[in-house]
Amino acid sequence: MSHSHQPIPVNDVGFLSYITIGWLTPLVLDLFKHRKKEIREEDVWTCSELESCDVNTERLEPMWIDEMQTFGPEKCSVLRLWLKFIWIRLLVAFAARCFKACIAFLFTGYIVRAVTQYLEGPESSISYVIGLIILTVVGQFLRTCSHTYILVYGAQTGK
């Protein structure tokens, strides 16, 4: 059951596996098979290379030196440094959240309105209903993709 020398595979998976979080399946199945045993550190993956201390230290150290030189030892801020460190990821995650909110609002609002009009009206076109179903599936798929992207991308700090 040991995954101790394998890094988390999130950076090496395909698009469908990424959005469905299918890359977690081997770990979950393994933990389920051995559910009576206690979970140990060796049972889960190690962090990815992009999340390692070495990589992040290489990125943070020059930023900290710049922070110290710019603001001095008394006024330097770990919070300001951290925000600089994650700024792009923060913006991308925020944009993904906005996209998810727009998709949820537009698709749900449009489809509910269309279904209500269809049910109240005299129309009985099967192609219209199939179109609504396809739009619902596409909307839900886009929401799922953006939600998973937010979860996985927003939780990583690597380059």
N, C-alpha and C. Protein backbone atom coordinates (compact mmCIF):
# COMPACT_ATOMS: atom_id res chain seq x y z
N MET A 1 0.82 -1.20 0.00
CA MET A 1 0.00 0.00 0.00
C MET A 1 0.86 1.26 0.00
N SER A 2 2.12 1.16 -0.01
CA SER A 2 3.01 2.31 0.15
C SER A 2 3.16 3.10 -1.14
N HIS A 3 2.99 4.41 -1.04
CA HIS A 3 3.21 5.35 -2.14
C HIS A 3 4.36 6.30 -1.79
N SER A 4 5.19 5.91 -0.84
CA SER A 4 6.11 6.83 -0.20
C SER A 4 7.13 7.46 -1.13
N HIS A 5 7.57 6.79 -2.16
CA HIS A 5 8.61 7.37 -3.00
C HIS A 5 8.05 7.92 -4.30
N GLN A 6 6.77 8.03 -4.40
CA GLN A 6 6.15 8.55 -5.61
C GLN A 6 5.58 9.93 -5.32
N PRO A 7 5.88 10.91 -6.19
CA PRO A 7 5.28 12.23 -5.97
C PRO A 7 3.82 12.23 -6.40
N ILE A 8 3.07 13.15 -5.88
CA ILE A 8 1.65 13.27 -6.23
C ILE A 8 1.55 13.49 -7.75
N PRO A 9 0.73 12.73 -8.45
CA PRO A 9 0.74 12.77 -9.91
C PRO A 9 -0.09 13.89 -10.54
N VAL A 10 -0.51 14.88 -9.78
CA VAL A 10 -1.40 15.91 -10.30
C VAL A 10 -0.79 16.68 -11.48
N ASN A 11 0.52 16.80 -11.54
CA ASN A 11 1.16 17.55 -12.62
C ASN A 11 1.38 16.72 -13.88
N ASP A 12 1.12 15.42 -13.81
CA ASP A 12 1.39 14.53 -14.94
C ASP A 12 0.14 13.79 -15.43
N VAL A 13 -1.02 14.38 -15.26
CA VAL A 13 -2.25 13.71 -15.67
C VAL A 13 -2.89 14.43 -16.85
N GLY A 14 -3.76 13.73 -17.54
CA GLY A 14 -4.47 14.32 -18.66
C GLY A 14 -5.61 15.21 -18.20
N PHE A 15 -6.20 15.90 -19.17
CA PHE A 15 -7.25 16.87 -18.87
C PHE A 15 -8.45 16.24 -18.19
N LEU A 16 -8.95 15.14 -18.74
CA LEU A 16 -10.14 14.50 -18.16
C LEU A 16 -9.85 13.97 -16.76
N SER A 17 -8.70 13.37 -16.58
CA SER A 17 -8.32 12.89 -15.25
C SER A 17 -8.17 14.06 -14.29
N TYR A 18 -7.67 15.19 -14.79
CA TYR A 18 -7.48 16.38 -13.97
C TYR A 18 -8.81 16.93 -13.48
N ILE A 19 -9.78 17.10 -14.41
CA ILE A 19 -11.05 17.72 -14.01
C ILE A 19 -11.95 16.80 -13.21
N THR A 20 -11.77 15.48 -13.39
CA THR A 20 -12.60 14.55 -12.62
C THR A 20 -11.89 14.07 -11.36
N ILE A 21 -10.67 14.56 -11.16
CA ILE A 21 -9.81 14.17 -10.06
C ILE A 21 -9.63 12.64 -10.06
N GLY A 22 -9.62 12.06 -11.27
CA GLY A 22 -9.43 10.63 -11.44
C GLY A 22 -8.04 10.16 -11.04
N TRP A 23 -7.10 11.07 -11.01
CA TRP A 23 -5.73 10.71 -10.61
C TRP A 23 -5.66 10.29 -9.14
N LEU A 24 -6.71 10.60 -8.37
CA LEU A 24 -6.76 10.19 -6.97
C LEU A 24 -7.25 8.75 -6.80
N THR A 25 -7.84 8.18 -7.85
CA THR A 25 -8.46 6.87 -7.77
C THR A 25 -7.53 5.78 -7.22
N PRO A 26 -6.29 5.66 -7.73
CA PRO A 26 -5.44 4.58 -7.18
C PRO A 26 -5.21 4.72 -5.68
N LEU A 27 -5.01 5.93 -5.21
CA LEU A 27 -4.79 6.14 -3.78
C LEU A 27 -6.05 5.82 -2.98
N VAL A 28 -7.18 6.29 -3.46
CA VAL A 28 -8.45 6.07 -2.75
C VAL A 28 -8.77 4.57 -2.71
N LEU A 29 -8.60 3.88 -3.83
CA LEU A 29 -8.87 2.45 -3.86
C LEU A 29 -7.93 1.68 -2.93
N ASP A 30 -6.67 2.09 -2.95
CA ASP A 30 -5.69 1.45 -2.07
C ASP A 30 -6.04 1.66 -0.60
N LEU A 31 -6.41 2.88 -0.25
CA LEU A 31 -6.80 3.17 1.13
C LEU A 31 -8.08 2.44 1.51
N PHE A 32 -9.01 2.31 0.53
CA PHE A 32 -10.25 1.59 0.80
C PHE A 32 -9.98 0.10 1.05
N LYS A 33 -9.10 -0.49 0.23
CA LYS A 33 -8.78 -1.91 0.40
C LYS A 33 -8.18 -2.18 1.78
N HIS A 34 -7.41 -1.24 2.28
CA HIS A 34 -6.74 -1.41 3.56
C HIS A 34 -7.35 -0.50 4.63
N ARG A 35 -8.66 -0.33 4.57
CA ARG A 35 -9.33 0.62 5.45
C ARG A 35 -9.26 0.26 6.93
N LYS A 36 -9.02 -0.99 7.22
CA LYS A 36 -8.93 -1.40 8.62
C LYS A 36 -7.58 -1.03 9.24
N LYS A 37 -6.61 -0.76 8.37
CA LYS A 37 -5.28 -0.37 8.84
C LYS A 37 -5.23 1.14 9.05
N GLU A 38 -4.34 1.54 9.90
CA GLU A 38 -4.12 2.96 10.14
C GLU A 38 -3.37 3.57 8.95
N ILE A 39 -3.75 4.77 8.54
CA ILE A 39 -3.06 5.45 7.45
C ILE A 39 -1.77 6.05 7.99
N ARG A 40 -0.68 5.71 7.33
CA ARG A 40 0.63 6.23 7.73
C ARG A 40 1.13 7.18 6.65
N GLU A 41 2.18 7.89 6.97
CA GLU A 41 2.76 8.85 6.03
C GLU A 41 3.24 8.15 4.75
N GLU A 42 3.73 6.93 4.87
CA GLU A 42 4.21 6.18 3.70
C GLU A 42 3.08 5.78 2.75
N ASP A 43 1.84 5.83 3.24
CA ASP A 43 0.69 5.39 2.45
C ASP A 43 0.21 6.44 1.45
N VAL A 44 0.66 7.66 1.58
CA VAL A 44 0.23 8.73 0.67
C VAL A 44 1.42 9.25 -0.11
N TRP A 45 1.14 9.94 -1.21
CA TRP A 45 2.19 10.46 -2.06
C TRP A 45 2.97 11.58 -1.38
N THR A 46 4.19 11.76 -1.85
CA THR A 46 4.97 12.91 -1.41
C THR A 46 4.54 14.11 -2.24
N CYS A 47 4.95 15.30 -1.83
CA CYS A 47 4.57 16.48 -2.60
C CYS A 47 5.32 16.48 -3.92
N SER A 48 4.79 17.18 -4.90
CA SER A 48 5.42 17.23 -6.22
C SER A 48 6.69 18.06 -6.17
N GLU A 49 7.50 17.94 -7.19
CA GLU A 49 8.75 18.69 -7.27
C GLU A 49 8.48 20.18 -7.22
N LEU A 50 7.40 20.63 -7.88
CA LEU A 50 7.08 22.06 -7.89
C LEU A 50 6.65 22.57 -6.52
N GLU A 51 6.23 21.68 -5.66
CA GLU A 51 5.80 22.06 -4.32
C GLU A 51 6.89 21.84 -3.27
N SER A 52 8.04 21.38 -3.70
CA SER A 52 9.10 21.05 -2.74
C SER A 52 9.68 22.30 -2.09
N CYS A 53 10.27 22.10 -0.95
CA CYS A 53 10.90 23.22 -0.22
C CYS A 53 12.02 23.84 -1.03
N ASP A 54 12.80 22.99 -1.72
CA ASP A 54 13.93 23.52 -2.49
C ASP A 54 13.47 24.49 -3.57
N VAL A 55 12.47 24.10 -4.32
CA VAL A 55 11.98 24.95 -5.41
C VAL A 55 11.38 26.24 -4.86
N ASN A 56 10.56 26.13 -3.84
CA ASN A 56 9.93 27.32 -3.29
C ASN A 56 10.91 28.22 -2.54
N THR A 57 11.93 27.62 -1.93
CA THR A 57 12.96 28.43 -1.29
C THR A 57 13.74 29.22 -2.32
N GLU A 58 14.04 28.59 -3.45
CA GLU A 58 14.73 29.29 -4.54
C GLU A 58 13.91 30.48 -5.05
N ARG A 59 12.62 30.34 -5.03
CA ARG A 59 11.75 31.44 -5.47
C ARG A 59 11.59 32.50 -4.38
N LEU A 60 11.47 32.05 -3.13
CA LEU A 60 11.21 32.99 -2.04
C LEU A 60 12.42 33.78 -1.60
N GLU A 61 13.58 33.17 -1.61
CA GLU A 61 14.77 33.83 -1.08
C GLU A 61 15.09 35.15 -1.78
N PRO A 62 15.14 35.21 -3.11
CA PRO A 62 15.40 36.51 -3.74
C PRO A 62 14.29 37.53 -3.47
N MET A 63 13.06 37.05 -3.36
CA MET A 63 11.95 37.95 -3.06
C MET A 63 12.08 38.52 -1.65
N TRP A 64 12.54 37.68 -0.69
CA TRP A 64 12.72 38.14 0.68
C TRP A 64 13.87 39.14 0.77
N ILE A 65 14.94 38.88 0.04
CA ILE A 65 16.07 39.82 0.02
C ILE A 65 15.62 41.16 -0.54
N ASP A 66 14.85 41.12 -1.62
CA ASP A 66 14.31 42.36 -2.20
C ASP A 66 13.39 43.08 -1.21
N GLU A 67 12.55 42.33 -0.51
CA GLU A 67 11.66 42.90 0.51
C GLU A 67 12.46 43.59 1.61
N MET A 68 13.52 42.92 2.06
CA MET A 68 14.37 43.50 3.11
C MET A 68 15.07 44.77 2.62
N GLN A 69 15.53 44.76 1.37
CA GLN A 69 16.23 45.93 0.84
C GLN A 69 15.26 47.08 0.59
N THR A 70 14.07 46.78 0.16
CA THR A 70 13.09 47.81 -0.15
C THR A 70 12.51 48.45 1.12
N PHE A 71 12.13 47.63 2.09
CA PHE A 71 11.43 48.15 3.27
C PHE A 71 12.27 48.15 4.55
N GLY A 72 13.43 47.52 4.52
CA GLY A 72 14.27 47.46 5.71
C GLY A 72 13.79 46.38 6.65
N PRO A 73 14.66 46.00 7.60
CA PRO A 73 14.32 44.89 8.51
C PRO A 73 13.13 45.18 9.43
N GLU A 74 12.87 46.43 9.72
CA GLU A 74 11.78 46.79 10.63
C GLU A 74 10.41 46.77 9.96
N LYS A 75 10.36 47.12 8.66
CA LYS A 75 9.07 47.28 7.99
C LYS A 75 8.80 46.20 6.93
N CYS A 76 9.69 45.22 6.82
CA CYS A 76 9.43 44.16 5.85
C CYS A 76 8.24 43.31 6.35
N SER A 77 7.52 42.74 5.40
CA SER A 77 6.28 42.04 5.76
C SER A 77 6.22 40.67 5.09
N VAL A 78 6.00 39.65 5.90
CA VAL A 78 5.84 38.30 5.37
C VAL A 78 4.54 38.22 4.56
N LEU A 79 3.50 38.90 5.02
CA LEU A 79 2.22 38.90 4.30
C LEU A 79 2.38 39.51 2.91
N ARG A 80 3.05 40.65 2.81
CA ARG A 80 3.28 41.29 1.51
C ARG A 80 4.10 40.36 0.61
N LEU A 81 5.11 39.72 1.16
CA LEU A 81 5.93 38.78 0.40
C LEU A 81 5.10 37.60 -0.08
N TRP A 82 4.27 37.06 0.81
CA TRP A 82 3.42 35.93 0.44
C TRP A 82 2.46 36.31 -0.68
N LEU A 83 1.88 37.52 -0.61
CA LEU A 83 0.96 37.96 -1.66
C LEU A 83 1.69 38.12 -2.99
N LYS A 84 2.92 38.62 -2.97
CA LYS A 84 3.71 38.70 -4.20
C LYS A 84 3.99 37.29 -4.73
N PHE A 85 4.27 36.38 -3.83
CA PHE A 85 4.61 35.01 -4.18
C PHE A 85 3.46 34.29 -4.89
N ILE A 86 2.23 34.54 -4.45
CA ILE A 86 1.08 33.83 -5.00
C ILE A 86 0.21 34.71 -5.89
N TRP A 87 0.66 35.92 -6.22
CA TRP A 87 -0.17 36.89 -6.92
C TRP A 87 -0.82 36.35 -8.19
N ILE A 88 -0.03 35.74 -9.07
CA ILE A 88 -0.57 35.24 -10.34
C ILE A 88 -1.59 34.14 -10.08
N ARG A 89 -1.27 33.22 -9.21
CA ARG A 89 -2.22 32.15 -8.88
C ARG A 89 -3.49 32.71 -8.28
N LEU A 90 -3.34 33.72 -7.46
CA LEU A 90 -4.50 34.37 -6.85
C LEU A 90 -5.39 34.99 -7.92
N LEU A 91 -4.79 35.67 -8.88
CA LEU A 91 -5.56 36.28 -9.96
C LEU A 91 -6.24 35.23 -10.84
N VAL A 92 -5.51 34.18 -11.18
CA VAL A 92 -6.08 33.12 -12.02
C VAL A 92 -7.22 32.41 -11.28
N ALA A 93 -7.02 32.11 -10.01
CA ALA A 93 -8.09 31.46 -9.23
C ALA A 93 -9.31 32.37 -9.11
N PHE A 94 -9.07 33.67 -8.93
CA PHE A 94 -10.18 34.63 -8.86
C PHE A 94 -10.93 34.69 -10.19
N ALA A 95 -10.18 34.72 -11.30
CA ALA A 95 -10.82 34.73 -12.63
C ALA A 95 -11.62 33.45 -12.85
N ALA A 96 -11.08 32.31 -12.40
CA ALA A 96 -11.81 31.04 -12.54
C ALA A 96 -13.09 31.06 -11.69
N ARG A 97 -13.01 31.64 -10.51
CA ARG A 97 -14.22 31.75 -9.66
C ARG A 97 -15.26 32.64 -10.33
N CYS A 98 -14.83 33.75 -10.92
CA CYS A 98 -15.76 34.63 -11.63
C CYS A 98 -16.39 33.90 -12.82
N PHE A 99 -15.57 33.15 -13.56
CA PHE A 99 -16.07 32.37 -14.69
C PHE A 99 -17.11 31.37 -14.20
N LYS A 100 -16.81 30.68 -13.11
CA LYS A 100 -17.75 29.70 -12.56
C LYS A 100 -19.06 30.36 -12.14
N ALA A 101 -18.97 31.53 -11.51
CA ALA A 101 -20.18 32.24 -11.09
C ALA A 101 -21.01 32.67 -12.29
N CYS A 102 -20.35 33.18 -13.33
CA CYS A 102 -21.06 33.60 -14.54
C CYS A 102 -21.73 32.41 -15.22
N ILE A 103 -21.00 31.32 -15.35
CA ILE A 103 -21.57 30.11 -15.96
C ILE A 103 -22.77 29.64 -15.16
N ALA A 104 -22.63 29.59 -13.85
CA ALA A 104 -23.73 29.13 -13.00
C ALA A 104 -24.94 30.03 -13.16
N PHE A 105 -24.71 31.33 -13.13
CA PHE A 105 -25.82 32.28 -13.22
C PHE A 105 -26.47 32.25 -14.60
N LEU A 106 -25.65 32.33 -15.65
CA LEU A 106 -26.20 32.41 -17.00
C LEU A 106 -26.89 31.11 -17.42
N PHE A 107 -26.20 29.99 -17.24
CA PHE A 107 -26.80 28.74 -17.67
C PHE A 107 -28.03 28.41 -16.84
N THR A 108 -27.92 28.52 -15.52
CA THR A 108 -29.06 28.19 -14.68
C THR A 108 -30.22 29.13 -14.95
N GLY A 109 -29.95 30.42 -15.01
CA GLY A 109 -31.01 31.39 -15.27
C GLY A 109 -31.65 31.20 -16.64
N TYR A 110 -30.83 31.01 -17.66
CA TYR A 110 -31.36 30.84 -19.01
C TYR A 110 -32.15 29.54 -19.11
N ILE A 111 -31.60 28.47 -18.62
CA ILE A 111 -32.26 27.17 -18.78
C ILE A 111 -33.55 27.09 -17.96
N VAL A 112 -33.55 27.61 -16.75
CA VAL A 112 -34.78 27.62 -15.95
C VAL A 112 -35.86 28.43 -16.66
N ARG A 113 -35.47 29.58 -17.20
CA ARG A 113 -36.43 30.41 -17.94
C ARG A 113 -36.95 29.67 -19.17
N ALA A 114 -36.04 29.02 -19.90
CA ALA A 114 -36.45 28.30 -21.11
C ALA A 114 -37.36 27.12 -20.77
N VAL A 115 -37.04 26.39 -19.73
CA VAL A 115 -37.88 25.25 -19.32
C VAL A 115 -39.26 25.74 -18.87
N THR A 116 -39.28 26.83 -18.11
CA THR A 116 -40.56 27.39 -17.67
C THR A 116 -41.41 27.82 -18.85
N GLN A 117 -40.81 28.52 -19.81
CA GLN A 117 -41.55 28.94 -21.00
C GLN A 117 -42.04 27.73 -21.79
N TYR A 118 -41.20 26.69 -21.88
CA TYR A 118 -41.59 25.50 -22.62
C TYR A 118 -42.78 24.82 -21.95
N LEU A 119 -42.71 24.71 -20.62
CA LEU A 119 -43.79 24.03 -19.89
C LEU A 119 -45.10 24.82 -19.93
N GLU A 120 -45.00 26.15 -19.93
CA GLU A 120 -46.20 26.98 -19.96
C GLU A 120 -46.76 27.18 -21.35
N GLY A 121 -45.95 26.95 -22.37
CA GLY A 121 -46.38 27.22 -23.73
C GLY A 121 -46.97 26.00 -24.42
N PRO A 122 -47.52 26.22 -25.60
CA PRO A 122 -48.16 25.13 -26.35
C PRO A 122 -47.14 24.29 -27.14
N GLU A 123 -45.89 24.70 -27.17
CA GLU A 123 -44.87 24.03 -27.97
C GLU A 123 -44.56 22.64 -27.41
N SER A 124 -44.35 21.68 -28.32
CA SER A 124 -44.01 20.32 -27.88
C SER A 124 -42.92 19.74 -28.78
N SER A 125 -41.92 20.52 -29.05
CA SER A 125 -40.82 20.10 -29.92
C SER A 125 -39.79 19.29 -29.14
N ILE A 126 -39.57 18.06 -29.58
CA ILE A 126 -38.59 17.21 -28.91
C ILE A 126 -37.17 17.71 -29.14
N SER A 127 -36.91 18.32 -30.29
CA SER A 127 -35.56 18.85 -30.56
C SER A 127 -35.24 20.01 -29.61
N TYR A 128 -36.25 20.79 -29.26
CA TYR A 128 -36.04 21.90 -28.31
C TYR A 128 -35.68 21.36 -26.93
N VAL A 129 -36.36 20.31 -26.50
CA VAL A 129 -36.09 19.69 -25.20
C VAL A 129 -34.68 19.08 -25.20
N ILE A 130 -34.32 18.41 -26.28
CA ILE A 130 -32.97 17.83 -26.38
C ILE A 130 -31.92 18.94 -26.34
N GLY A 131 -32.19 20.05 -26.99
CA GLY A 131 -31.28 21.20 -26.94
C GLY A 131 -31.12 21.73 -25.53
N LEU A 132 -32.21 21.81 -24.78
CA LEU A 132 -32.14 22.25 -23.38
C LEU A 132 -31.32 21.27 -22.53
N ILE A 133 -31.52 19.99 -22.78
CA ILE A 133 -30.75 18.97 -22.04
C ILE A 133 -29.27 19.10 -22.35
N ILE A 134 -28.93 19.28 -23.63
CA ILE A 134 -27.53 19.44 -24.02
C ILE A 134 -26.93 20.70 -23.39
N LEU A 135 -27.68 21.79 -23.40
CA LEU A 135 -27.20 23.02 -22.75
C LEU A 135 -26.98 22.82 -21.26
N THR A 136 -27.87 22.08 -20.62
CA THR A 136 -27.72 21.79 -19.20
C THR A 136 -26.45 20.99 -18.94
N VAL A 137 -26.21 19.97 -19.74
CA VAL A 137 -25.01 19.14 -19.58
C VAL A 137 -23.75 19.97 -19.82
N VAL A 138 -23.74 20.79 -20.87
CA VAL A 138 -22.58 21.64 -21.16
C VAL A 138 -22.33 22.61 -20.02
N GLY A 139 -23.38 23.22 -19.52
CA GLY A 139 -23.24 24.15 -18.40
C GLY A 139 -22.70 23.48 -17.16
N GLN A 140 -23.22 22.32 -16.84
CA GLN A 140 -22.72 21.58 -15.68
C GLN A 140 -21.28 21.13 -15.87
N PHE A 141 -20.93 20.73 -17.09
CA PHE A 141 -19.56 20.33 -17.38
C PHE A 141 -18.61 21.52 -17.20
N LEU A 142 -18.97 22.68 -17.71
CA LEU A 142 -18.13 23.87 -17.54
C LEU A 142 -18.00 24.26 -16.07
N ARG A 143 -19.07 24.16 -15.33
CA ARG A 143 -19.01 24.46 -13.89
C ARG A 143 -18.11 23.47 -13.18
N THR A 144 -18.22 22.20 -13.52
CA THR A 144 -17.38 21.18 -12.91
C THR A 144 -15.91 21.40 -13.24
N CYS A 145 -15.63 21.69 -14.50
CA CYS A 145 -14.25 21.95 -14.91
C CYS A 145 -13.68 23.14 -14.15
N SER A 146 -14.42 24.23 -14.09
CA SER A 146 -13.89 25.41 -13.41
C SER A 146 -13.76 25.17 -11.91
N HIS A 147 -14.68 24.43 -11.32
CA HIS A 147 -14.60 24.15 -9.89
C HIS A 147 -13.36 23.30 -9.58
N THR A 148 -13.14 22.26 -10.36
CA THR A 148 -11.97 21.42 -10.15
C THR A 148 -10.69 22.20 -10.39
N TYR A 149 -10.69 23.02 -11.41
CA TYR A 149 -9.52 23.85 -11.70
C TYR A 149 -9.21 24.76 -10.50
N ILE A 150 -10.22 25.33 -9.93
CA ILE A 150 -10.04 26.20 -8.76
C ILE A 150 -9.45 25.41 -7.60
N LEU A 151 -9.99 24.22 -7.36
CA LEU A 151 -9.51 23.40 -6.24
C LEU A 151 -8.06 22.98 -6.43
N VAL A 152 -7.74 22.43 -7.59
CA VAL A 152 -6.40 21.88 -7.80
C VAL A 152 -5.38 22.99 -8.05
N TYR A 153 -5.68 23.91 -8.93
CA TYR A 153 -4.73 24.98 -9.26
C TYR A 153 -4.55 25.94 -8.09
N GLY A 154 -5.62 26.26 -7.42
CA GLY A 154 -5.54 27.19 -6.30
C GLY A 154 -4.80 26.62 -5.10
N ALA A 155 -4.72 25.30 -4.99
CA ALA A 155 -4.04 24.69 -3.85
C ALA A 155 -2.56 24.54 -4.08
N GLN A 156 -2.11 24.73 -5.30
CA GLN A 156 -0.69 24.57 -5.60
C GLN A 156 0.00 25.94 -5.61
N THR A 157 1.26 25.96 -5.25
CA THR A 157 2.02 27.21 -5.31
C THR A 157 3.18 27.12 -6.28
N GLY A 158 3.38 25.96 -6.89
CA GLY A 158 4.51 25.78 -7.80
C GLY A 158 4.42 26.70 -9.00
N LYS A 159 5.53 26.75 -9.75
CA LYS A 159 5.63 27.65 -10.92
C LYS A 159 4.59 27.35 -11.95
